[in-house]
Amino acid sequence: MVDARGLSCPMPVVMVQNEVKKGNPNSLTVLVDAMVCVENVKRYAASQGYSVTVTEEDGEYKMELSK
């Protein structure tokens, strides 16, 4: 899991990149609290072959990345 709440871009994307480079997981959960971070992580995830499901609750976004 990548908890990037409270961080502004590009840090959430960098954190996801690091997780993907470490082990190329089949699934990964990412938490952020800004829509711009959601969009940037979604773009990166798609470029790596992941599909992304986003749920929002109380201004926080949970992204489920899966291959």
N, C-alpha and C. Protein backbone atom coordinates (compact mmCIF):
# COMPACT_ATOMS: atom_id res chain seq x y z
N MET A 1 0.84 -1.19 0.00
CA MET A 1 0.00 0.00 0.00
C MET A 1 0.88 1.24 0.00
N VAL A 2 0.45 2.22 -0.79
CA VAL A 2 1.13 3.51 -0.83
C VAL A 2 0.18 4.54 -0.23
N ASP A 3 0.58 5.13 0.88
CA ASP A 3 -0.22 6.17 1.52
C ASP A 3 0.43 7.52 1.22
N ALA A 4 -0.13 8.22 0.23
CA ALA A 4 0.43 9.50 -0.19
C ALA A 4 -0.49 10.66 0.18
N ARG A 5 -1.35 10.44 1.17
CA ARG A 5 -2.23 11.52 1.62
C ARG A 5 -1.39 12.64 2.20
N GLY A 6 -1.77 13.87 1.87
CA GLY A 6 -1.05 15.03 2.37
C GLY A 6 0.14 15.44 1.52
N LEU A 7 0.44 14.66 0.49
CA LEU A 7 1.57 14.97 -0.38
C LEU A 7 1.07 15.52 -1.70
N SER A 8 1.81 16.45 -2.26
CA SER A 8 1.43 16.99 -3.57
C SER A 8 2.28 16.34 -4.65
N CYS A 9 1.78 16.42 -5.86
CA CYS A 9 2.49 15.84 -6.99
C CYS A 9 3.80 16.58 -7.19
N PRO A 10 4.83 15.85 -7.57
CA PRO A 10 4.80 14.49 -8.12
C PRO A 10 5.05 13.37 -7.11
N MET A 11 5.09 13.67 -5.83
CA MET A 11 5.46 12.65 -4.84
C MET A 11 4.59 11.38 -4.89
N PRO A 12 3.27 11.47 -4.98
CA PRO A 12 2.49 10.22 -5.05
C PRO A 12 2.88 9.35 -6.24
N VAL A 13 3.12 9.98 -7.38
CA VAL A 13 3.53 9.21 -8.57
C VAL A 13 4.90 8.58 -8.33
N VAL A 14 5.81 9.32 -7.76
CA VAL A 14 7.15 8.80 -7.48
C VAL A 14 7.06 7.61 -6.52
N MET A 15 6.21 7.71 -5.52
CA MET A 15 6.05 6.61 -4.56
C MET A 15 5.50 5.36 -5.25
N VAL A 16 4.53 5.55 -6.14
CA VAL A 16 3.98 4.41 -6.88
C VAL A 16 5.04 3.83 -7.81
N GLN A 17 5.79 4.68 -8.48
CA GLN A 17 6.87 4.20 -9.36
C GLN A 17 7.85 3.33 -8.57
N ASN A 18 8.21 3.77 -7.38
CA ASN A 18 9.16 3.00 -6.56
C ASN A 18 8.59 1.64 -6.19
N GLU A 19 7.31 1.58 -5.85
CA GLU A 19 6.68 0.29 -5.51
C GLU A 19 6.65 -0.63 -6.72
N VAL A 20 6.33 -0.09 -7.87
CA VAL A 20 6.28 -0.90 -9.10
C VAL A 20 7.67 -1.42 -9.44
N LYS A 21 8.69 -0.57 -9.31
CA LYS A 21 10.06 -0.98 -9.61
C LYS A 21 10.56 -2.05 -8.65
N LYS A 22 10.11 -1.99 -7.39
CA LYS A 22 10.56 -2.96 -6.38
C LYS A 22 10.11 -4.37 -6.70
N GLY A 23 8.86 -4.52 -7.17
CA GLY A 23 8.40 -5.88 -7.33
C GLY A 23 7.36 -6.11 -8.40
N ASN A 24 7.02 -5.07 -9.17
CA ASN A 24 6.01 -5.19 -10.22
C ASN A 24 4.79 -5.97 -9.73
N PRO A 25 4.14 -5.47 -8.67
CA PRO A 25 3.01 -6.20 -8.08
C PRO A 25 1.82 -6.31 -9.03
N ASN A 26 1.03 -7.36 -8.86
CA ASN A 26 -0.18 -7.53 -9.67
C ASN A 26 -1.27 -6.57 -9.21
N SER A 27 -1.21 -6.17 -7.94
CA SER A 27 -2.18 -5.20 -7.44
C SER A 27 -1.50 -4.28 -6.42
N LEU A 28 -2.05 -3.10 -6.30
CA LEU A 28 -1.48 -2.10 -5.40
C LEU A 28 -2.58 -1.13 -5.00
N THR A 29 -2.65 -0.80 -3.71
CA THR A 29 -3.61 0.17 -3.21
C THR A 29 -2.87 1.49 -2.97
N VAL A 30 -3.46 2.57 -3.44
CA VAL A 30 -2.85 3.90 -3.30
C VAL A 30 -3.88 4.83 -2.68
N LEU A 31 -3.47 5.56 -1.63
CA LEU A 31 -4.34 6.54 -0.98
C LEU A 31 -3.80 7.93 -1.23
N VAL A 32 -4.66 8.82 -1.71
CA VAL A 32 -4.29 10.22 -1.93
C VAL A 32 -5.47 11.10 -1.50
N ASP A 33 -5.23 12.41 -1.42
CA ASP A 33 -6.31 13.29 -1.02
C ASP A 33 -6.50 14.49 -1.95
N ALA A 34 -6.09 14.32 -3.20
CA ALA A 34 -6.28 15.39 -4.19
C ALA A 34 -6.58 14.76 -5.55
N MET A 35 -7.56 15.32 -6.25
CA MET A 35 -7.94 14.78 -7.54
C MET A 35 -6.81 14.85 -8.56
N VAL A 36 -5.97 15.88 -8.49
CA VAL A 36 -4.84 15.97 -9.42
C VAL A 36 -3.90 14.79 -9.23
N CYS A 37 -3.73 14.34 -8.00
CA CYS A 37 -2.89 13.16 -7.73
C CYS A 37 -3.54 11.91 -8.32
N VAL A 38 -4.86 11.81 -8.19
CA VAL A 38 -5.57 10.67 -8.77
C VAL A 38 -5.30 10.60 -10.27
N GLU A 39 -5.45 11.72 -10.95
CA GLU A 39 -5.27 11.75 -12.40
C GLU A 39 -3.84 11.39 -12.80
N ASN A 40 -2.86 11.93 -12.07
CA ASN A 40 -1.46 11.66 -12.39
C ASN A 40 -1.08 10.20 -12.13
N VAL A 41 -1.55 9.65 -11.02
CA VAL A 41 -1.26 8.24 -10.72
C VAL A 41 -1.95 7.34 -11.74
N LYS A 42 -3.19 7.68 -12.12
CA LYS A 42 -3.91 6.89 -13.12
C LYS A 42 -3.15 6.86 -14.44
N ARG A 43 -2.63 8.00 -14.87
CA ARG A 43 -1.86 8.05 -16.12
C ARG A 43 -0.63 7.16 -16.03
N TYR A 44 0.11 7.28 -14.93
CA TYR A 44 1.31 6.44 -14.78
C TYR A 44 0.93 4.97 -14.74
N ALA A 45 -0.09 4.62 -13.97
CA ALA A 45 -0.51 3.23 -13.83
C ALA A 45 -0.90 2.64 -15.19
N ALA A 46 -1.65 3.41 -15.97
CA ALA A 46 -2.04 2.93 -17.30
C ALA A 46 -0.83 2.68 -18.18
N SER A 47 0.18 3.52 -18.06
CA SER A 47 1.39 3.35 -18.87
C SER A 47 2.16 2.09 -18.48
N GLN A 48 1.88 1.57 -17.27
CA GLN A 48 2.55 0.36 -16.79
C GLN A 48 1.65 -0.88 -16.92
N GLY A 49 0.50 -0.72 -17.55
CA GLY A 49 -0.38 -1.85 -17.79
C GLY A 49 -1.38 -2.15 -16.69
N TYR A 50 -1.59 -1.21 -15.80
CA TYR A 50 -2.56 -1.39 -14.71
C TYR A 50 -3.91 -0.80 -15.08
N SER A 51 -4.97 -1.43 -14.61
CA SER A 51 -6.29 -0.80 -14.64
C SER A 51 -6.50 -0.21 -13.25
N VAL A 52 -7.28 0.86 -13.17
CA VAL A 52 -7.42 1.58 -11.91
C VAL A 52 -8.90 1.77 -11.57
N THR A 53 -9.23 1.43 -10.33
CA THR A 53 -10.55 1.70 -9.79
C THR A 53 -10.39 2.71 -8.67
N VAL A 54 -11.20 3.78 -8.71
CA VAL A 54 -11.09 4.86 -7.73
C VAL A 54 -12.38 4.95 -6.93
N THR A 55 -12.24 5.01 -5.62
CA THR A 55 -13.38 5.29 -4.75
C THR A 55 -13.02 6.52 -3.91
N GLU A 56 -14.04 7.35 -3.63
CA GLU A 56 -13.82 8.58 -2.87
C GLU A 56 -14.69 8.54 -1.62
N GLU A 57 -14.07 8.93 -0.51
CA GLU A 57 -14.82 9.02 0.75
C GLU A 57 -14.24 10.15 1.58
N ASP A 58 -15.07 11.11 1.93
CA ASP A 58 -14.67 12.24 2.78
C ASP A 58 -13.44 12.98 2.25
N GLY A 59 -13.37 13.17 0.93
CA GLY A 59 -12.27 13.93 0.35
C GLY A 59 -10.99 13.15 0.18
N GLU A 60 -11.02 11.86 0.45
CA GLU A 60 -9.84 11.02 0.24
C GLU A 60 -10.17 9.99 -0.83
N TYR A 61 -9.16 9.65 -1.60
CA TYR A 61 -9.34 8.75 -2.73
C TYR A 61 -8.53 7.48 -2.52
N LYS A 62 -9.19 6.36 -2.76
CA LYS A 62 -8.53 5.06 -2.69
C LYS A 62 -8.50 4.50 -4.10
N MET A 63 -7.29 4.25 -4.59
CA MET A 63 -7.13 3.69 -5.92
C MET A 63 -6.65 2.25 -5.81
N GLU A 64 -7.32 1.39 -6.53
CA GLU A 64 -6.92 -0.02 -6.61
C GLU A 64 -6.34 -0.23 -8.00
N LEU A 65 -5.04 -0.48 -8.05
CA LEU A 65 -4.37 -0.76 -9.31
C LEU A 65 -4.28 -2.25 -9.47
N SER A 66 -4.61 -2.76 -10.64
CA SER A 66 -4.51 -4.20 -10.87
C SER A 66 -4.15 -4.49 -12.31
N LYS A 67 -3.47 -5.63 -12.48
CA LYS A 67 -3.08 -6.07 -13.84
C LYS A 67 -3.97 -7.22 -14.25
